[in-house]
């Protein structure tokens, strides 16, 4: 069961990252610098989560830091 959930989550994050890549390209073409930057940050964050370099929730990080 955990494997199925993990696989589905990875597929969802892959899809989100692909959509963010397309949105970034569109924002860049329209010369919306701040929007391009923010979308790029979301794109990178999705990649970090996929690779396991960041937790999915910010709340998880806060619990670790306060412990």
PDB file of N, CA and C in Angstrom:
ATOM      1  N   UNK A   1       0.827  -1.191   0.000  1.00  0.00           N
ATOM      2  CA  UNK A   1       0.000   0.000   0.000  1.00  0.00           C
ATOM      3  C   UNK A   1       0.868   1.251   0.000  1.00  0.00           C
ATOM      4  N   UNK A   2       1.902   1.273   0.795  1.00  0.00           N
ATOM      5  CA  UNK A   2       2.792   2.432   0.871  1.00  0.00           C
ATOM      6  C   UNK A   2       3.486   2.681  -0.460  1.00  0.00           C
ATOM      7  N   UNK A   3       3.843   1.597  -1.154  1.00  0.00           N
ATOM      8  CA  UNK A   3       4.499   1.711  -2.453  1.00  0.00           C
ATOM      9  C   UNK A   3       3.581   2.401  -3.456  1.00  0.00           C
ATOM     10  N   UNK A   4       2.306   2.035  -3.459  1.00  0.00           N
ATOM     11  CA  UNK A   4       1.343   2.632  -4.388  1.00  0.00           C
ATOM     12  C   UNK A   4       1.186   4.110  -4.095  1.00  0.00           C
ATOM     13  N   UNK A   5       1.060   4.471  -2.820  1.00  0.00           N
ATOM     14  CA  UNK A   5       0.935   5.876  -2.434  1.00  0.00           C
ATOM     15  C   UNK A   5       2.176   6.649  -2.837  1.00  0.00           C
ATOM     16  N   UNK A   6       3.348   6.096  -2.580  1.00  0.00           N
ATOM     17  CA  UNK A   6       4.603   6.759  -2.914  1.00  0.00           C
ATOM     18  C   UNK A   6       4.730   6.958  -4.416  1.00  0.00           C
ATOM     19  N   UNK A   7       4.354   5.944  -5.178  1.00  0.00           N
ATOM     20  CA  UNK A   7       4.435   6.035  -6.640  1.00  0.00           C
ATOM     21  C   UNK A   7       3.474   7.089  -7.171  1.00  0.00           C
ATOM     22  N   UNK A   8       2.249   7.103  -6.640  1.00  0.00           N
ATOM     23  CA  UNK A   8       1.264   8.086  -7.079  1.00  0.00           C
ATOM     24  C   UNK A   8       1.725   9.504  -6.745  1.00  0.00           C
ATOM     25  N   UNK A   9       2.295   9.666  -5.553  1.00  0.00           N
ATOM     26  CA  UNK A   9       2.779  10.983  -5.156  1.00  0.00           C
ATOM     27  C   UNK A   9       3.912  11.433  -6.069  1.00  0.00           C
ATOM     28  N   UNK A  10       4.819  10.546  -6.389  1.00  0.00           N
ATOM     29  CA  UNK A  10       5.918  10.873  -7.293  1.00  0.00           C
ATOM     30  C   UNK A  10       5.395  11.246  -8.667  1.00  0.00           C
ATOM     31  N   UNK A  11       4.417  10.492  -9.167  1.00  0.00           N
ATOM     32  CA  UNK A  11       3.826  10.813 -10.468  1.00  0.00           C
ATOM     33  C   UNK A  11       3.149  12.176 -10.439  1.00  0.00           C
ATOM     34  N   UNK A  12       2.458  12.482  -9.355  1.00  0.00           N
ATOM     35  CA  UNK A  12       1.801  13.778  -9.212  1.00  0.00           C
ATOM     36  C   UNK A  12       2.826  14.902  -9.182  1.00  0.00           C
ATOM     37  N   UNK A  13       3.887  14.706  -8.409  1.00  0.00           N
ATOM     38  CA  UNK A  13       4.931  15.731  -8.335  1.00  0.00           C
ATOM     39  C   UNK A  13       5.649  15.900  -9.673  1.00  0.00           C
ATOM     40  N   UNK A  14       5.864  14.823 -10.399  1.00  0.00           N
ATOM     41  CA  UNK A  14       6.451  14.907 -11.730  1.00  0.00           C
ATOM     42  C   UNK A  14       5.566  15.741 -12.655  1.00  0.00           C
ATOM     43  N   UNK A  15       4.267  15.492 -12.584  1.00  0.00           N
ATOM     44  CA  UNK A  15       3.315  16.238 -13.403  1.00  0.00           C
ATOM     45  C   UNK A  15       3.324  17.719 -13.029  1.00  0.00           C
ATOM     46  N   UNK A  16       3.279  17.996 -11.733  1.00  0.00           N
ATOM     47  CA  UNK A  16       3.322  19.389 -11.276  1.00  0.00           C
ATOM     48  C   UNK A  16       4.586  20.091 -11.761  1.00  0.00           C
ATOM     49  N   UNK A  17       5.713  19.406 -11.669  1.00  0.00           N
ATOM     50  CA  UNK A  17       6.963  20.006 -12.094  1.00  0.00           C
ATOM     51  C   UNK A  17       6.941  20.287 -13.599  1.00  0.00           C
ATOM     52  N   UNK A  18       6.378  19.385 -14.373  1.00  0.00           N
ATOM     53  CA  UNK A  18       6.282  19.603 -15.817  1.00  0.00           C
ATOM     54  C   UNK A  18       5.399  20.811 -16.132  1.00  0.00           C
ATOM     55  N   UNK A  19       4.284  20.926 -15.428  1.00  0.00           N
ATOM     56  CA  UNK A  19       3.394  22.070 -15.638  1.00  0.00           C
ATOM     57  C   UNK A  19       4.068  23.379 -15.220  1.00  0.00           C
ATOM     58  N   UNK A  20       4.797  23.333 -14.110  1.00  0.00           N
ATOM     59  CA  UNK A  20       5.521  24.527 -13.666  1.00  0.00           C
ATOM     60  C   UNK A  20       6.577  24.933 -14.690  1.00  0.00           C
ATOM     61  N   UNK A  21       7.217  23.958 -15.306  1.00  0.00           N
ATOM     62  CA  UNK A  21       8.195  24.263 -16.346  1.00  0.00           C
ATOM     63  C   UNK A  21       7.554  24.989 -17.516  1.00  0.00           C
ATOM     64  N   UNK A  22       6.370  24.547 -17.901  1.00  0.00           N
ATOM     65  CA  UNK A  22       5.659  25.204 -18.993  1.00  0.00           C
ATOM     66  C   UNK A  22       5.206  26.601 -18.600  1.00  0.00           C
ATOM     67  N   UNK A  23       4.712  26.739 -17.376  1.00  0.00           N
ATOM     68  CA  UNK A  23       4.299  28.059 -16.896  1.00  0.00           C
ATOM     69  C   UNK A  23       5.482  29.020 -16.822  1.00  0.00           C
ATOM     70  N   UNK A  24       6.620  28.505 -16.389  1.00  0.00           N
ATOM     71  CA  UNK A  24       7.825  29.336 -16.325  1.00  0.00           C
ATOM     72  C   UNK A  24       8.191  29.852 -17.708  1.00  0.00           C
ATOM     73  N   UNK A  25       8.130  28.985 -18.706  1.00  0.00           N
ATOM     74  CA  UNK A  25       8.436  29.380 -20.079  1.00  0.00           C
ATOM     75  C   UNK A  25       7.477  30.460 -20.564  1.00  0.00           C
ATOM     76  N   UNK A  26       6.199  30.298 -20.245  1.00  0.00           N
ATOM     77  CA  UNK A  26       5.194  31.287 -20.646  1.00  0.00           C
ATOM     78  C   UNK A  26       5.434  32.631 -19.957  1.00  0.00           C
ATOM     79  N   UNK A  27       5.711  32.594 -18.661  1.00  0.00           N
ATOM     80  CA  UNK A  27       5.961  33.828 -17.915  1.00  0.00           C
ATOM     81  C   UNK A  27       7.215  34.528 -18.428  1.00  0.00           C
ATOM     82  N   UNK A  28       8.232  33.748 -18.745  1.00  0.00           N
ATOM     83  CA  UNK A  28       9.474  34.308 -19.272  1.00  0.00           C
ATOM     84  C   UNK A  28       9.239  34.965 -20.631  1.00  0.00           C
ATOM     85  N   UNK A  29       8.440  34.332 -21.474  1.00  0.00           N
ATOM     86  CA  UNK A  29       8.130  34.885 -22.799  1.00  0.00           C
ATOM     87  C   UNK A  29       7.395  36.208 -22.685  1.00  0.00           C
ATOM     88  N   UNK A  30       6.613  36.361 -21.632  1.00  0.00           N
ATOM     89  CA  UNK A  30       5.872  37.609 -21.415  1.00  0.00           C
ATOM     90  C   UNK A  30       6.684  38.631 -20.613  1.00  0.00           C
ATOM     91  N   UNK A  31       7.922  38.268 -20.290  1.00  0.00           N
ATOM     92  CA  UNK A  31       8.839  39.133 -19.532  1.00  0.00           C
ATOM     93  C   UNK A  31       8.299  39.523 -18.159  1.00  0.00           C
ATOM     94  N   UNK A  32       7.666  38.563 -17.527  1.00  0.00           N
ATOM     95  CA  UNK A  32       7.170  38.751 -16.160  1.00  0.00           C
ATOM     96  C   UNK A  32       8.229  38.193 -15.222  1.00  0.00           C
ATOM     97  N   UNK A  33       9.228  39.015 -14.913  1.00  0.00           N
ATOM     98  CA  UNK A  33      10.403  38.545 -14.191  1.00  0.00           C
ATOM     99  C   UNK A  33      10.094  37.963 -12.815  1.00  0.00           C
ATOM    100  N   UNK A  34       9.284  38.661 -12.037  1.00  0.00           N
ATOM    101  CA  UNK A  34       8.992  38.180 -10.682  1.00  0.00           C
ATOM    102  C   UNK A  34       8.183  36.888 -10.738  1.00  0.00           C
ATOM    103  N   UNK A  35       7.214  36.831 -11.622  1.00  0.00           N
ATOM    104  CA  UNK A  35       6.414  35.626 -11.775  1.00  0.00           C
ATOM    105  C   UNK A  35       7.283  34.460 -12.251  1.00  0.00           C
ATOM    106  N   UNK A  36       8.171  34.720 -13.189  1.00  0.00           N
ATOM    107  CA  UNK A  36       9.102  33.691 -13.656  1.00  0.00           C
ATOM    108  C   UNK A  36       9.940  33.172 -12.506  1.00  0.00           C
ATOM    109  N   UNK A  37      10.443  34.075 -11.678  1.00  0.00           N
ATOM    110  CA  UNK A  37      11.269  33.698 -10.543  1.00  0.00           C
ATOM    111  C   UNK A  37      10.493  32.818  -9.557  1.00  0.00           C
ATOM    112  N   UNK A  38       9.274  33.231  -9.220  1.00  0.00           N
ATOM    113  CA  UNK A  38       8.487  32.477  -8.250  1.00  0.00           C
ATOM    114  C   UNK A  38       8.127  31.090  -8.784  1.00  0.00           C
ATOM    115  N   UNK A  39       7.789  31.005 -10.056  1.00  0.00           N
ATOM    116  CA  UNK A  39       7.482  29.709 -10.650  1.00  0.00           C
ATOM    117  C   UNK A  39       8.730  28.838 -10.676  1.00  0.00           C
ATOM    118  N   UNK A  40       9.870  29.438 -10.971  1.00  0.00           N
ATOM    119  CA  UNK A  40      11.141  28.692 -10.964  1.00  0.00           C
ATOM    120  C   UNK A  40      11.425  28.125  -9.577  1.00  0.00           C
ATOM    121  N   UNK A  41      11.167  28.910  -8.530  1.00  0.00           N
ATOM    122  CA  UNK A  41      11.384  28.423  -7.173  1.00  0.00           C
ATOM    123  C   UNK A  41      10.460  27.236  -6.877  1.00  0.00           C
ATOM    124  N   UNK A  42       9.207  27.300  -7.310  1.00  0.00           N
ATOM    125  CA  UNK A  42       8.283  26.183  -7.114  1.00  0.00           C
ATOM    126  C   UNK A  42       8.747  24.961  -7.908  1.00  0.00           C
ATOM    127  N   UNK A  43       9.258  25.177  -9.119  1.00  0.00           N
ATOM    128  CA  UNK A  43       9.785  24.098  -9.954  1.00  0.00           C
ATOM    129  C   UNK A  43      10.948  23.390  -9.257  1.00  0.00           C
ATOM    130  N   UNK A  44      11.865  24.178  -8.722  1.00  0.00           N
ATOM    131  CA  UNK A  44      13.012  23.608  -8.012  1.00  0.00           C
ATOM    132  C   UNK A  44      12.583  22.890  -6.738  1.00  0.00           C
ATOM    133  N   UNK A  45      11.632  23.456  -6.030  1.00  0.00           N
ATOM    134  CA  UNK A  45      11.120  22.835  -4.801  1.00  0.00           C
ATOM    135  C   UNK A  45      10.502  21.471  -5.107  1.00  0.00           C
ATOM    136  N   UNK A  46       9.727  21.395  -6.177  1.00  0.00           N
ATOM    137  CA  UNK A  46       9.128  20.115  -6.566  1.00  0.00           C
ATOM    138  C   UNK A  46      10.219  19.080  -6.854  1.00  0.00           C
ATOM    139  N   UNK A  47      11.268  19.505  -7.532  1.00  0.00           N
ATOM    140  CA  UNK A  47      12.379  18.593  -7.815  1.00  0.00           C
ATOM    141  C   UNK A  47      13.069  18.121  -6.551  1.00  0.00           C
ATOM    142  N   UNK A  48      13.254  19.042  -5.613  1.00  0.00           N
ATOM    143  CA  UNK A  48      13.870  18.671  -4.333  1.00  0.00           C
ATOM    144  C   UNK A  48      13.020  17.646  -3.579  1.00  0.00           C
ATOM    145  N   UNK A  49      11.712  17.837  -3.592  1.00  0.00           N
ATOM    146  CA  UNK A  49      10.814  16.906  -2.904  1.00  0.00           C
ATOM    147  C   UNK A  49      10.863  15.540  -3.582  1.00  0.00           C
ATOM    148  N   UNK A  50      10.860  15.522  -4.905  1.00  0.00           N
ATOM    149  CA  UNK A  50      10.921  14.261  -5.654  1.00  0.00           C
ATOM    150  C   UNK A  50      12.188  13.497  -5.292  1.00  0.00           C
ATOM    151  N   UNK A  51      13.308  14.200  -5.190  1.00  0.00           N
ATOM    152  CA  UNK A  51      14.586  13.549  -4.881  1.00  0.00           C
ATOM    153  C   UNK A  51      14.750  13.247  -3.387  1.00  0.00           C
ATOM    154  N   UNK A  52      13.804  13.701  -2.571  1.00  0.00           N
ATOM    155  CA  UNK A  52      13.870  13.439  -1.140  1.00  0.00           C
ATOM    156  C   UNK A  52      14.792  14.387  -0.393  1.00  0.00           C
ATOM    157  N   UNK A  53      15.137  15.502  -1.017  1.00  0.00           N
ATOM    158  CA  UNK A  53      16.044  16.463  -0.384  1.00  0.00           C
ATOM    159  C   UNK A  53      15.325  17.453   0.517  1.00  0.00           C
ATOM    160  N   UNK A  54      14.005  17.517   0.417  1.00  0.00           N
ATOM    161  CA  UNK A  54      13.205  18.405   1.249  1.00  0.00           C
ATOM    162  C   UNK A  54      11.960  17.660   1.712  1.00  0.00           C
ATOM    163  N   UNK A  55      11.467  18.002   2.910  1.00  0.00           N
ATOM    164  CA  UNK A  55      10.207  17.398   3.353  1.00  0.00           C
ATOM    165  C   UNK A  55       9.042  17.978   2.562  1.00  0.00           C
ATOM    166  N   UNK A  56       7.956  17.245   2.508  1.00  0.00           N
ATOM    167  CA  UNK A  56       6.776  17.707   1.786  1.00  0.00           C
ATOM    168  C   UNK A  56       6.126  18.884   2.507  1.00  0.00           C
ATOM    169  N   UNK A  57       6.118  18.829   3.830  1.00  0.00           N
ATOM    170  CA  UNK A  57       5.481  19.879   4.629  1.00  0.00           C
ATOM    171  C   UNK A  57       6.520  20.735   5.327  1.00  0.00           C
ATOM    172  N   UNK A  58       6.274  22.014   5.365  1.00  0.00           N
ATOM    173  CA  UNK A  58       7.141  22.913   6.124  1.00  0.00           C
ATOM    174  C   UNK A  58       7.026  22.588   7.604  1.00  0.00           C
ATOM    175  N   UNK A  59       5.858  22.151   8.029  1.00  0.00           N
ATOM    176  CA  UNK A  59       5.610  21.804   9.424  1.00  0.00           C
ATOM    177  C   UNK A  59       6.571  20.719   9.903  1.00  0.00           C
ATOM    178  N   UNK A  60       6.920  19.774   9.045  1.00  0.00           N
ATOM    179  CA  UNK A  60       7.867  18.724   9.416  1.00  0.00           C
ATOM    180  C   UNK A  60       9.228  19.313   9.750  1.00  0.00           C
ATOM    181  N   UNK A  61       9.650  20.319   9.008  1.00  0.00           N
ATOM    182  CA  UNK A  61      10.932  20.974   9.246  1.00  0.00           C
ATOM    183  C   UNK A  61      10.908  21.702  10.580  1.00  0.00           C
ATOM    184  N   UNK A  62       9.829  22.370  10.888  1.00  0.00           N
ATOM    185  CA  UNK A  62       9.714  23.106  12.142  1.00  0.00           C
ATOM    186  C   UNK A  62       9.794  22.167  13.320  1.00  0.00           C
ATOM    187  N   UNK A  63       9.184  20.999  13.237  1.00  0.00           N
ATOM    188  CA  UNK A  63       9.244  20.030  14.337  1.00  0.00           C
ATOM    189  C   UNK A  63      10.669  19.546  14.561  1.00  0.00           C
ATOM    190  N   UNK A  64      11.385  19.327  13.487  1.00  0.00           N
ATOM    191  CA  UNK A  64      12.771  18.859  13.602  1.00  0.00           C
ATOM    192  C   UNK A  64      13.636  19.956  14.227  1.00  0.00           C
ATOM    193  N   UNK A  65      13.436  21.208  13.794  1.00  0.00           N
ATOM    194  CA  UNK A  65      14.258  22.309  14.295  1.00  0.00           C
ATOM    195  C   UNK A  65      14.008  22.599  15.783  1.00  0.00           C
ATOM    196  N   UNK A  66      12.792  22.381  16.261  1.00  0.00           N
ATOM    197  CA  UNK A  66      12.479  22.705  17.648  1.00  0.00           C
ATOM    198  C   UNK A  66      12.810  21.545  18.597  1.00  0.00           C
ATOM    199  N   UNK A  67      13.068  20.386  18.059  1.00  0.00           N
ATOM    200  CA  UNK A  67      13.332  19.221  18.911  1.00  0.00           C
ATOM    201  C   UNK A  67      14.717  19.259  19.501  1.00  0.00           C
TER     202      UNK A  67
END
